[in-house]
C-alpha atoms as a PDB file:
ATOM      1  CA  UNK A   1      11.732 147.127  95.188  1.00  0.00           C
ATOM      2  CA  UNK A   2      11.838 145.966  98.808  1.00  0.00           C
ATOM      3  CA  UNK A   3       8.918 147.539 100.658  1.00  0.00           C
ATOM      4  CA  UNK A   4       8.876 147.909 104.452  1.00  0.00           C
ATOM      5  CA  UNK A   5       5.706 148.975 106.277  1.00  0.00           C
ATOM      6  CA  UNK A   6       5.230 150.006 109.898  1.00  0.00           C
ATOM      7  CA  UNK A   7       2.287 149.419 112.229  1.00  0.00           C
ATOM      8  CA  UNK A   8       0.591 152.784 112.940  1.00  0.00           C
ATOM      9  CA  UNK A   9       0.054 151.809 116.577  1.00  0.00           C
ATOM     10  CA  UNK A  10       3.147 149.989 117.884  1.00  0.00           C
ATOM     11  CA  UNK A  11       5.574 150.940 115.052  1.00  0.00           C
ATOM     12  CA  UNK A  12       6.621 147.304 114.505  1.00  0.00           C
ATOM     13  CA  UNK A  13       8.074 146.908 110.987  1.00  0.00           C
ATOM     14  CA  UNK A  14       7.227 144.241 108.415  1.00  0.00           C
ATOM     15  CA  UNK A  15       8.672 143.252 105.069  1.00  0.00           C
ATOM     16  CA  UNK A  16       5.669 143.553 102.711  1.00  0.00           C
ATOM     17  CA  UNK A  17       7.585 142.910  99.498  1.00  0.00           C
ATOM     18  CA  UNK A  18       5.365 141.174  96.963  1.00  0.00           C
ATOM     19  CA  UNK A  19       2.121 142.014  98.739  1.00  0.00           C
ATOM     20  CA  UNK A  20      -0.424 143.949  96.621  1.00  0.00           C
ATOM     21  CA  UNK A  21      -0.833 147.662  97.293  1.00  0.00           C
ATOM     22  CA  UNK A  22      -3.984 148.290  99.318  1.00  0.00           C
ATOM     23  CA  UNK A  23      -3.990 144.853 100.984  1.00  0.00           C
ATOM     24  CA  UNK A  24      -4.143 144.669 104.770  1.00  0.00           C
ATOM     25  CA  UNK A  25      -2.868 142.437 107.552  1.00  0.00           C
ATOM     26  CA  UNK A  26      -3.056 142.425 111.336  1.00  0.00           C
ATOM     27  CA  UNK A  27      -0.073 143.341 113.533  1.00  0.00           C
ATOM     28  CA  UNK A  28       0.822 141.522 116.773  1.00  0.00           C
ATOM     29  CA  UNK A  29      -0.751 144.380 118.743  1.00  0.00           C
ATOM     30  CA  UNK A  30      -4.072 143.908 116.938  1.00  0.00           C
ATOM     31  CA  UNK A  31      -3.910 146.999 114.740  1.00  0.00           C
ATOM     32  CA  UNK A  32      -4.688 146.673 111.036  1.00  0.00           C
ATOM     33  CA  UNK A  33      -1.807 147.684 108.749  1.00  0.00           C
ATOM     34  CA  UNK A  34      -2.562 148.823 105.190  1.00  0.00           C
ATOM     35  CA  UNK A  35       0.104 148.511 102.495  1.00  0.00           C
ATOM     36  CA  UNK A  36       0.187 151.866 100.710  1.00  0.00           C
ATOM     37  CA  UNK A  37       1.828 152.975  97.481  1.00  0.00           C
ATOM     38  CA  UNK A  38       5.352 154.224  98.325  1.00  0.00           C
ATOM     39  CA  UNK A  39       6.523 157.586  97.084  1.00  0.00           C
ATOM     40  CA  UNK A  40      10.311 157.636  97.296  1.00  0.00           C
ATOM     41  CA  UNK A  41      12.323 160.820  97.558  1.00  0.00           C
ATOM     42  CA  UNK A  42      15.889 161.930  98.092  1.00  0.00           C
ATOM     43  CA  UNK A  43      17.165 162.486 101.585  1.00  0.00           C
ATOM     44  CA  UNK A  44      17.688 166.074 102.715  1.00  0.00           C
ATOM     45  CA  UNK A  45      20.287 164.906 105.237  1.00  0.00           C
ATOM     46  CA  UNK A  46      22.214 161.763 104.366  1.00  0.00           C
ATOM     47  CA  UNK A  47      22.797 159.431 107.302  1.00  0.00           C
ATOM     48  CA  UNK A  48      25.076 156.446 107.575  1.00  0.00           C
ATOM     49  CA  UNK A  49      23.176 153.254 106.751  1.00  0.00           C
ATOM     50  CA  UNK A  50      25.359 151.272 109.146  1.00  0.00           C
ATOM     51  CA  UNK A  51      25.119 153.365 112.337  1.00  0.00           C
ATOM     52  CA  UNK A  52      22.594 156.154 111.577  1.00  0.00           C
ATOM     53  CA  UNK A  53      25.038 159.036 112.114  1.00  0.00           C
ATOM     54  CA  UNK A  54      24.718 162.125 109.851  1.00  0.00           C
ATOM     55  CA  UNK A  55      27.159 162.370 106.964  1.00  0.00           C
ATOM     56  CA  UNK A  56      29.743 165.117 107.101  1.00  0.00           C
ATOM     57  CA  UNK A  57      29.722 167.362 104.017  1.00  0.00           C
ATOM     58  CA  UNK A  58      31.520 165.651 101.136  1.00  0.00           C
ATOM     59  CA  UNK A  59      32.834 162.830 103.318  1.00  0.00           C
ATOM     60  CA  UNK A  60      33.220 159.563 101.344  1.00  0.00           C
ATOM     61  CA  UNK A  61      32.821 157.487 104.520  1.00  0.00           C
ATOM     62  CA  UNK A  62      31.215 157.763 107.948  1.00  0.00           C
ATOM     63  CA  UNK A  63      33.477 159.516 110.444  1.00  0.00           C
ATOM     64  CA  UNK A  64      31.948 157.453 113.292  1.00  0.00           C
ATOM     65  CA  UNK A  65      32.004 153.847 112.046  1.00  0.00           C
ATOM     66  CA  UNK A  66      34.022 154.132 108.813  1.00  0.00           C
ATOM     67  CA  UNK A  67      31.307 152.703 106.515  1.00  0.00           C
ATOM     68  CA  UNK A  68      31.667 153.763 102.880  1.00  0.00           C
ATOM     69  CA  UNK A  69      28.772 155.983 101.748  1.00  0.00           C
ATOM     70  CA  UNK A  70      29.357 155.283  98.061  1.00  0.00           C
ATOM     71  CA  UNK A  71      28.725 151.547  98.487  1.00  0.00           C
ATOM     72  CA  UNK A  72      25.333 152.140 100.101  1.00  0.00           C
ATOM     73  CA  UNK A  73      24.347 154.834  97.612  1.00  0.00           C
ATOM     74  CA  UNK A  74      24.716 152.360  94.760  1.00  0.00           C
ATOM     75  CA  UNK A  75      22.033 150.096  96.266  1.00  0.00           C
ATOM     76  CA  UNK A  76      18.764 151.945  96.957  1.00  0.00           C
ATOM     77  CA  UNK A  77      16.082 149.283  96.525  1.00  0.00           C
ATOM     78  CA  UNK A  78      14.381 149.477  99.945  1.00  0.00           C
ATOM     79  CA  UNK A  79      11.686 151.969 100.979  1.00  0.00           C
ATOM     80  CA  UNK A  80      11.888 153.274 104.553  1.00  0.00           C
ATOM     81  CA  UNK A  81       8.601 152.577 106.432  1.00  0.00           C
ATOM     82  CA  UNK A  82       8.779 155.913 108.272  1.00  0.00           C
ATOM     83  CA  UNK A  83       9.765 158.548 105.704  1.00  0.00           C
ATOM     84  CA  UNK A  84       9.492 156.493 102.447  1.00  0.00           C
ATOM     85  CA  UNK A  85      13.011 157.414 101.360  1.00  0.00           C
ATOM     86  CA  UNK A  86      14.916 154.886  99.200  1.00  0.00           C
ATOM     87  CA  UNK A  87      17.654 153.201 101.210  1.00  0.00           C
ATOM     88  CA  UNK A  88      20.039 150.283 100.810  1.00  0.00           C
ATOM     89  CA  UNK A  89      18.816 146.699 101.130  1.00  0.00           C
ATOM     90  CA  UNK A  90      21.649 146.140 103.620  1.00  0.00           C
ATOM     91  CA  UNK A  91      20.989 149.302 105.632  1.00  0.00           C
ATOM     92  CA  UNK A  92      20.364 149.063 109.372  1.00  0.00           C
ATOM     93  CA  UNK A  93      19.283 152.713 109.568  1.00  0.00           C
ATOM     94  CA  UNK A  94      17.471 155.001 107.134  1.00  0.00           C
ATOM     95  CA  UNK A  95      19.947 157.541 105.716  1.00  0.00           C
ATOM     96  CA  UNK A  96      17.172 160.174 105.620  1.00  0.00           C
ATOM     97  CA  UNK A  97      15.350 160.031 108.979  1.00  0.00           C
ATOM     98  CA  UNK A  98      17.785 157.803 110.914  1.00  0.00           C
ATOM     99  CA  UNK A  99      15.138 155.306 112.070  1.00  0.00           C
ATOM    100  CA  UNK A 100      16.385 151.771 112.754  1.00  0.00           C
ATOM    101  CA  UNK A 101      15.246 149.294 110.092  1.00  0.00           C
ATOM    102  CA  UNK A 102      14.076 146.124 111.856  1.00  0.00           C
ATOM    103  CA  UNK A 103      11.622 144.392 109.511  1.00  0.00           C
ATOM    104  CA  UNK A 104       9.920 141.115 110.344  1.00  0.00           C
ATOM    105  CA  UNK A 105       8.663 138.671 107.719  1.00  0.00           C
ATOM    106  CA  UNK A 106       4.922 138.523 107.196  1.00  0.00           C
ATOM    107  CA  UNK A 107       2.990 135.350 107.909  1.00  0.00           C
ATOM    108  CA  UNK A 108       3.739 132.276 105.845  1.00  0.00           C
ATOM    109  CA  UNK A 109       1.235 130.009 104.075  1.00  0.00           C
ATOM    110  CA  UNK A 110      -1.930 128.816 105.771  1.00  0.00           C
ATOM    111  CA  UNK A 111      -1.931 125.421 107.506  1.00  0.00           C
ATOM    112  CA  UNK A 112      -4.847 122.984 107.898  1.00  0.00           C
ATOM    113  CA  UNK A 113      -5.051 123.928 111.609  1.00  0.00           C
ATOM    114  CA  UNK A 114      -7.924 126.189 112.659  1.00  0.00           C
ATOM    115  CA  UNK A 115      -7.523 128.936 115.251  1.00  0.00           C
ATOM    116  CA  UNK A 116      -8.605 127.745 118.749  1.00  0.00           C
ATOM    117  CA  UNK A 117     -10.087 131.191 119.477  1.00  0.00           C
ATOM    118  CA  UNK A 118     -11.629 132.154 116.119  1.00  0.00           C
ATOM    119  CA  UNK A 119     -12.690 128.693 114.985  1.00  0.00           C
ATOM    120  CA  UNK A 120     -13.156 127.649 111.368  1.00  0.00           C
ATOM    121  CA  UNK A 121     -13.249 131.239 110.091  1.00  0.00           C
ATOM    122  CA  UNK A 122      -9.456 131.479 110.434  1.00  0.00           C
ATOM    123  CA  UNK A 123      -6.659 129.025 109.768  1.00  0.00           C
ATOM    124  CA  UNK A 124      -3.263 129.321 111.429  1.00  0.00           C
ATOM    125  CA  UNK A 125      -0.234 130.419 109.404  1.00  0.00           C
ATOM    126  CA  UNK A 126       3.390 129.401 109.742  1.00  0.00           C
ATOM    127  CA  UNK A 127       5.590 131.999 111.412  1.00  0.00           C
ATOM    128  CA  UNK A 128       9.276 132.023 112.355  1.00  0.00           C
ATOM    129  CA  UNK A 129      10.606 134.567 114.832  1.00  0.00           C
ATOM    130  CA  UNK A 130      14.372 134.176 115.014  1.00  0.00           C
ATOM    131  CA  UNK A 131      14.964 130.457 115.616  1.00  0.00           C
ATOM    132  CA  UNK A 132      11.475 129.891 117.043  1.00  0.00           C
ATOM    133  CA  UNK A 133       8.838 128.234 114.830  1.00  0.00           C
ATOM    134  CA  UNK A 134       5.203 128.798 115.711  1.00  0.00           C
ATOM    135  CA  UNK A 135       1.712 129.128 114.249  1.00  0.00           C
ATOM    136  CA  UNK A 136      -0.152 132.436 114.313  1.00  0.00           C
ATOM    137  CA  UNK A 137      -3.698 133.586 113.632  1.00  0.00           C
ATOM    138  CA  UNK A 138      -3.758 136.754 111.549  1.00  0.00           C
ATOM    139  CA  UNK A 139      -7.291 137.484 112.742  1.00  0.00           C
ATOM    140  CA  UNK A 140      -6.746 137.559 116.536  1.00  0.00           C
ATOM    141  CA  UNK A 141      -2.893 137.564 116.634  1.00  0.00           C
ATOM    142  CA  UNK A 142      -2.840 134.496 118.921  1.00  0.00           C
ATOM    143  CA  UNK A 143       0.102 132.048 118.948  1.00  0.00           C
ATOM    144  CA  UNK A 144       0.333 128.257 118.956  1.00  0.00           C
ATOM    145  CA  UNK A 145       3.646 126.985 120.331  1.00  0.00           C
ATOM    146  CA  UNK A 146       4.756 123.362 120.646  1.00  0.00           C
ATOM    147  CA  UNK A 147       5.354 122.157 124.207  1.00  0.00           C
ATOM    148  CA  UNK A 148       9.113 121.650 123.788  1.00  0.00           C
ATOM    149  CA  UNK A 149       9.499 125.080 122.163  1.00  0.00           C
ATOM    150  CA  UNK A 150       7.625 126.758 125.036  1.00  0.00           C
ATOM    151  CA  UNK A 151       9.776 124.951 127.610  1.00  0.00           C
ATOM    152  CA  UNK A 152      12.879 126.139 125.755  1.00  0.00           C
ATOM    153  CA  UNK A 153      11.616 129.753 125.809  1.00  0.00           C
ATOM    154  CA  UNK A 154      10.881 129.540 129.550  1.00  0.00           C
ATOM    155  CA  UNK A 155      14.337 128.071 130.194  1.00  0.00           C
ATOM    156  CA  UNK A 156      15.956 130.922 128.271  1.00  0.00           C
ATOM    157  CA  UNK A 157      13.874 133.497 130.155  1.00  0.00           C
ATOM    158  CA  UNK A 158      14.815 131.930 133.507  1.00  0.00           C
ATOM    159  CA  UNK A 159      18.485 132.075 132.490  1.00  0.00           C
ATOM    160  CA  UNK A 160      18.036 135.821 131.863  1.00  0.00           C
ATOM    161  CA  UNK A 161      16.445 136.300 135.306  1.00  0.00           C
ATOM    162  CA  UNK A 162      16.851 139.749 136.858  1.00  0.00           C
ATOM    163  CA  UNK A 163      17.447 138.354 140.347  1.00  0.00           C
ATOM    164  CA  UNK A 164      15.640 137.085 143.418  1.00  0.00           C
ATOM    165  CA  UNK A 165      13.898 140.413 144.105  1.00  0.00           C
ATOM    166  CA  UNK A 166      11.056 139.572 141.721  1.00  0.00           C
ATOM    167  CA  UNK A 167       8.025 141.692 140.941  1.00  0.00           C
ATOM    168  CA  UNK A 168       5.507 141.266 138.146  1.00  0.00           C
ATOM    169  CA  UNK A 169       5.371 144.600 136.381  1.00  0.00           C
ATOM    170  CA  UNK A 170       2.002 146.182 137.315  1.00  0.00           C
ATOM    171  CA  UNK A 171       1.197 147.160 133.750  1.00  0.00           C
ATOM    172  CA  UNK A 172       1.658 143.548 132.677  1.00  0.00           C
ATOM    173  CA  UNK A 173      -0.823 142.351 135.290  1.00  0.00           C
ATOM    174  CA  UNK A 174      -3.313 145.066 134.357  1.00  0.00           C
ATOM    175  CA  UNK A 175      -2.974 144.325 130.648  1.00  0.00           C
ATOM    176  CA  UNK A 176      -3.496 140.611 131.316  1.00  0.00           C
ATOM    177  CA  UNK A 177      -6.765 141.323 133.145  1.00  0.00           C
ATOM    178  CA  UNK A 178      -7.855 143.623 130.322  1.00  0.00           C
ATOM    179  CA  UNK A 179      -6.976 140.949 127.785  1.00  0.00           C
ATOM    180  CA  UNK A 180      -9.126 138.423 129.657  1.00  0.00           C
ATOM    181  CA  UNK A 181     -12.083 140.837 129.522  1.00  0.00           C
ATOM    182  CA  UNK A 182     -11.564 141.328 125.777  1.00  0.00           C
ATOM    183  CA  UNK A 183     -11.237 137.602 125.101  1.00  0.00           C
ATOM    184  CA  UNK A 184     -13.343 136.423 122.201  1.00  0.00           C
ATOM    185  CA  UNK A 185     -14.491 132.952 121.269  1.00  0.00           C
ATOM    186  CA  UNK A 186     -15.185 129.927 123.487  1.00  0.00           C
ATOM    187  CA  UNK A 187     -13.870 129.735 127.029  1.00  0.00           C
ATOM    188  CA  UNK A 188     -12.596 126.185 126.487  1.00  0.00           C
ATOM    189  CA  UNK A 189     -10.689 125.949 123.214  1.00  0.00           C
ATOM    190  CA  UNK A 190      -9.980 122.954 121.023  1.00  0.00           C
ATOM    191  CA  UNK A 191      -6.465 121.824 120.216  1.00  0.00           C
ATOM    192  CA  UNK A 192      -5.799 122.612 116.516  1.00  0.00           C
ATOM    193  CA  UNK A 193      -4.127 119.198 116.070  1.00  0.00           C
ATOM    194  CA  UNK A 194      -6.213 116.614 117.957  1.00  0.00           C
ATOM    195  CA  UNK A 195      -9.453 118.588 118.401  1.00  0.00           C
ATOM    196  CA  UNK A 196      -9.681 117.815 122.114  1.00  0.00           C
ATOM    197  CA  UNK A 197     -10.670 120.465 124.636  1.00  0.00           C
ATOM    198  CA  UNK A 198      -7.586 122.038 126.210  1.00  0.00           C
ATOM    199  CA  UNK A 199      -7.014 122.637 129.899  1.00  0.00           C
ATOM    200  CA  UNK A 200      -7.128 126.222 131.167  1.00  0.00           C
ATOM    201  CA  UNK A 201      -4.184 126.749 133.514  1.00  0.00           C
ATOM    202  CA  UNK A 202      -2.908 129.691 135.538  1.00  0.00           C
ATOM    203  CA  UNK A 203       0.704 129.350 134.425  1.00  0.00           C
ATOM    204  CA  UNK A 204       3.068 128.869 137.342  1.00  0.00           C
ATOM    205  CA  UNK A 205       0.004 129.000 139.650  1.00  0.00           C
ATOM    206  CA  UNK A 206       0.790 132.644 140.454  1.00  0.00           C
ATOM    207  CA  UNK A 207       1.486 134.387 137.122  1.00  0.00           C
ATOM    208  CA  UNK A 208      -2.117 135.541 136.621  1.00  0.00           C
ATOM    209  CA  UNK A 209      -1.966 134.503 132.943  1.00  0.00           C
ATOM    210  CA  UNK A 210      -4.498 131.828 131.973  1.00  0.00           C
ATOM    211  CA  UNK A 211      -3.226 129.688 129.097  1.00  0.00           C
ATOM    212  CA  UNK A 212      -4.847 126.885 127.088  1.00  0.00           C
ATOM    213  CA  UNK A 213      -2.746 123.728 127.137  1.00  0.00           C
ATOM    214  CA  UNK A 214      -2.879 120.387 125.307  1.00  0.00           C
ATOM    215  CA  UNK A 215      -0.618 117.849 127.041  1.00  0.00           C
ATOM    216  CA  UNK A 216       0.255 116.106 123.791  1.00  0.00           C
ATOM    217  CA  UNK A 217       0.751 118.949 121.332  1.00  0.00           C
ATOM    218  CA  UNK A 218       1.349 122.423 122.735  1.00  0.00           C
ATOM    219  CA  UNK A 219       0.056 125.656 124.216  1.00  0.00           C
ATOM    220  CA  UNK A 220      -2.209 128.399 122.873  1.00  0.00           C
ATOM    221  CA  UNK A 221      -1.520 132.026 123.855  1.00  0.00           C
ATOM    222  CA  UNK A 222      -3.756 135.008 123.197  1.00  0.00           C
ATOM    223  CA  UNK A 223      -2.052 138.003 121.614  1.00  0.00           C
ATOM    224  CA  UNK A 224       0.019 139.286 124.575  1.00  0.00           C
ATOM    225  CA  UNK A 225       0.029 136.328 126.987  1.00  0.00           C
ATOM    226  CA  UNK A 226       3.341 134.765 125.950  1.00  0.00           C
ATOM    227  CA  UNK A 227       5.187 138.087 126.366  1.00  0.00           C
ATOM    228  CA  UNK A 228       3.716 138.549 129.872  1.00  0.00           C
ATOM    229  CA  UNK A 229       4.682 135.017 130.929  1.00  0.00           C
ATOM    230  CA  UNK A 230       8.277 135.378 129.755  1.00  0.00           C
ATOM    231  CA  UNK A 231       8.494 138.772 131.471  1.00  0.00           C
ATOM    232  CA  UNK A 232       7.202 137.168 134.685  1.00  0.00           C
ATOM    233  CA  UNK A 233       9.761 134.347 134.420  1.00  0.00           C
ATOM    234  CA  UNK A 234      12.636 136.779 133.755  1.00  0.00           C
ATOM    235  CA  UNK A 235      11.712 138.811 136.832  1.00  0.00           C
ATOM    236  CA  UNK A 236      11.986 135.682 139.000  1.00  0.00           C
ATOM    237  CA  UNK A 237       8.260 134.969 139.378  1.00  0.00           C
ATOM    238  CA  UNK A 238       8.485 131.298 138.389  1.00  0.00           C
ATOM    239  CA  UNK A 239      11.456 130.647 140.683  1.00  0.00           C
ATOM    240  CA  UNK A 240       9.595 132.238 143.607  1.00  0.00           C
ATOM    241  CA  UNK A 241       6.430 130.234 142.824  1.00  0.00           C
ATOM    242  CA  UNK A 242       8.434 126.991 142.785  1.00  0.00           C
ATOM    243  CA  UNK A 243      10.088 127.893 146.098  1.00  0.00           C
ATOM    244  CA  UNK A 244       6.733 128.606 147.752  1.00  0.00           C
ATOM    245  CA  UNK A 245       5.282 125.349 146.431  1.00  0.00           C
ATOM    246  CA  UNK A 246       8.285 123.407 147.771  1.00  0.00           C
ATOM    247  CA  UNK A 247       7.835 125.039 151.194  1.00  0.00           C
ATOM    248  CA  UNK A 248       4.133 124.154 151.220  1.00  0.00           C
ATOM    249  CA  UNK A 249       4.868 120.550 150.219  1.00  0.00           C
ATOM    250  CA  UNK A 250       7.430 120.236 153.026  1.00  0.00           C
ATOM    251  CA  UNK A 251       4.923 121.655 155.537  1.00  0.00           C
ATOM    252  CA  UNK A 252       2.240 119.176 154.462  1.00  0.00           C
ATOM    253  CA  UNK A 253       4.734 116.310 154.771  1.00  0.00           C
ATOM    254  CA  UNK A 254       5.630 117.359 158.319  1.00  0.00           C
ATOM    255  CA  UNK A 255       1.960 117.518 159.345  1.00  0.00           C
ATOM    256  CA  UNK A 256       1.292 114.135 157.748  1.00  0.00           C
ATOM    257  CA  UNK A 257       4.225 112.603 159.670  1.00  0.00           C
ATOM    258  CA  UNK A 258       2.841 113.964 162.961  1.00  0.00           C
ATOM    259  CA  UNK A 259      -0.593 112.562 162.116  1.00  0.00           C
ATOM    260  CA  UNK A 260       0.856 109.118 161.370  1.00  0.00           C
ATOM    261  CA  UNK A 261       2.760 109.155 164.655  1.00  0.00           C
ATOM    262  CA  UNK A 262      -0.438 110.045 166.531  1.00  0.00           C
ATOM    263  CA  UNK A 263      -2.345 107.196 164.868  1.00  0.00           C
ATOM    264  CA  UNK A 264       0.459 104.796 165.755  1.00  0.00           C
ATOM    265  CA  UNK A 265       0.291 105.758 169.441  1.00  0.00           C
ATOM    266  CA  UNK A 266      -3.463 105.214 169.516  1.00  0.00           C
ATOM    267  CA  UNK A 267      -5.971 107.215 171.629  1.00  0.00           C
ATOM    268  CA  UNK A 268      -4.966 109.241 174.636  1.00  0.00           C
ATOM    269  CA  UNK A 269      -3.801 107.027 177.486  1.00  0.00           C
ATOM    270  CA  UNK A 270      -2.750 107.691 181.020  1.00  0.00           C
ATOM    271  CA  UNK A 271       0.843 107.152 182.005  1.00  0.00           C
ATOM    272  CA  UNK A 272       1.154 104.957 185.163  1.00  0.00           C
ATOM    273  CA  UNK A 273      -2.573 105.345 185.807  1.00  0.00           C
ATOM    274  CA  UNK A 274      -2.219 109.126 186.043  1.00  0.00           C
ATOM    275  CA  UNK A 275      -2.754 112.065 183.629  1.00  0.00           C
ATOM    276  CA  UNK A 276      -1.926 111.658 179.918  1.00  0.00           C
ATOM    277  CA  UNK A 277       1.674 112.561 178.931  1.00  0.00           C
ATOM    278  CA  UNK A 278       2.241 115.970 177.317  1.00  0.00           C
ATOM    279  CA  UNK A 279       3.691 114.524 174.085  1.00  0.00           C
ATOM    280  CA  UNK A 280       0.831 112.063 173.708  1.00  0.00           C
ATOM    281  CA  UNK A 281      -1.721 114.775 174.379  1.00  0.00           C
ATOM    282  CA  UNK A 282      -0.268 117.116 171.751  1.00  0.00           C
ATOM    283  CA  UNK A 283      -0.047 114.331 169.159  1.00  0.00           C
ATOM    284  CA  UNK A 284      -3.655 113.349 169.779  1.00  0.00           C
ATOM    285  CA  UNK A 285      -4.830 116.977 169.503  1.00  0.00           C
ATOM    286  CA  UNK A 286      -2.991 117.493 166.184  1.00  0.00           C
ATOM    287  CA  UNK A 287      -4.436 114.240 164.843  1.00  0.00           C
ATOM    288  CA  UNK A 288      -7.970 115.348 165.723  1.00  0.00           C
ATOM    289  CA  UNK A 289      -7.440 118.749 164.081  1.00  0.00           C
ATOM    290  CA  UNK A 290      -6.095 117.187 160.881  1.00  0.00           C
ATOM    291  CA  UNK A 291      -8.946 114.658 160.720  1.00  0.00           C
END
């Protein structure tokens, strides 16, 4: 029997097949999910397992998408995490309550790497989300992502940018501040691979999300930091930060060029024995201000 369970707080679904009844694990949102004994029952209203539409009385197939009801009814080995009805292993929707079935695999085996936030009390587990491989702590729900993987995620998020009119969603900024106040463990964390202290960096200089970075191995994110960063990148925040930094660099280069020109001309001198020239006076003044 394939058993799906849902987080009571964020409703994220997990495939708990093979896990003992009564065991617990931590969701990405931090809530503890308990695997309970399922109690299957027949559906009062049969819904299409392919699109979630209600079945017309006596209809052998869905009138909306054409899926055959009889095929799905022969395969009822999955328990819906919402209503506990038995549904097909291939179903995308529960044929009783109509909820979308979107299970995620639970954490893989433990690795030798210890959690940078929790320390030796928790070892990181393998986790694959789509085509992204990462390490996750089941105790604090933090993520370890390799540097090249993180750069790939940022590149994808930038490609999905919503446009130049960028704004960091206020709830994301507020949640990030709240997450910093709730942060547990040492301020400076150790890299789970080399053991060296990682650098704390405000990602993009303006995102407001402080990440822990090891130049050689990867980046550590607390539970919701990676989602906030990718949301900030999608909304154009990183592109705007890079533009502002480029403008500031160009301004500093212009000021430095003026200062070099003033040093080349030497101290203020009088033209033809009279008053100093206007250009020389301005260059000397700028040089004094910069120095």
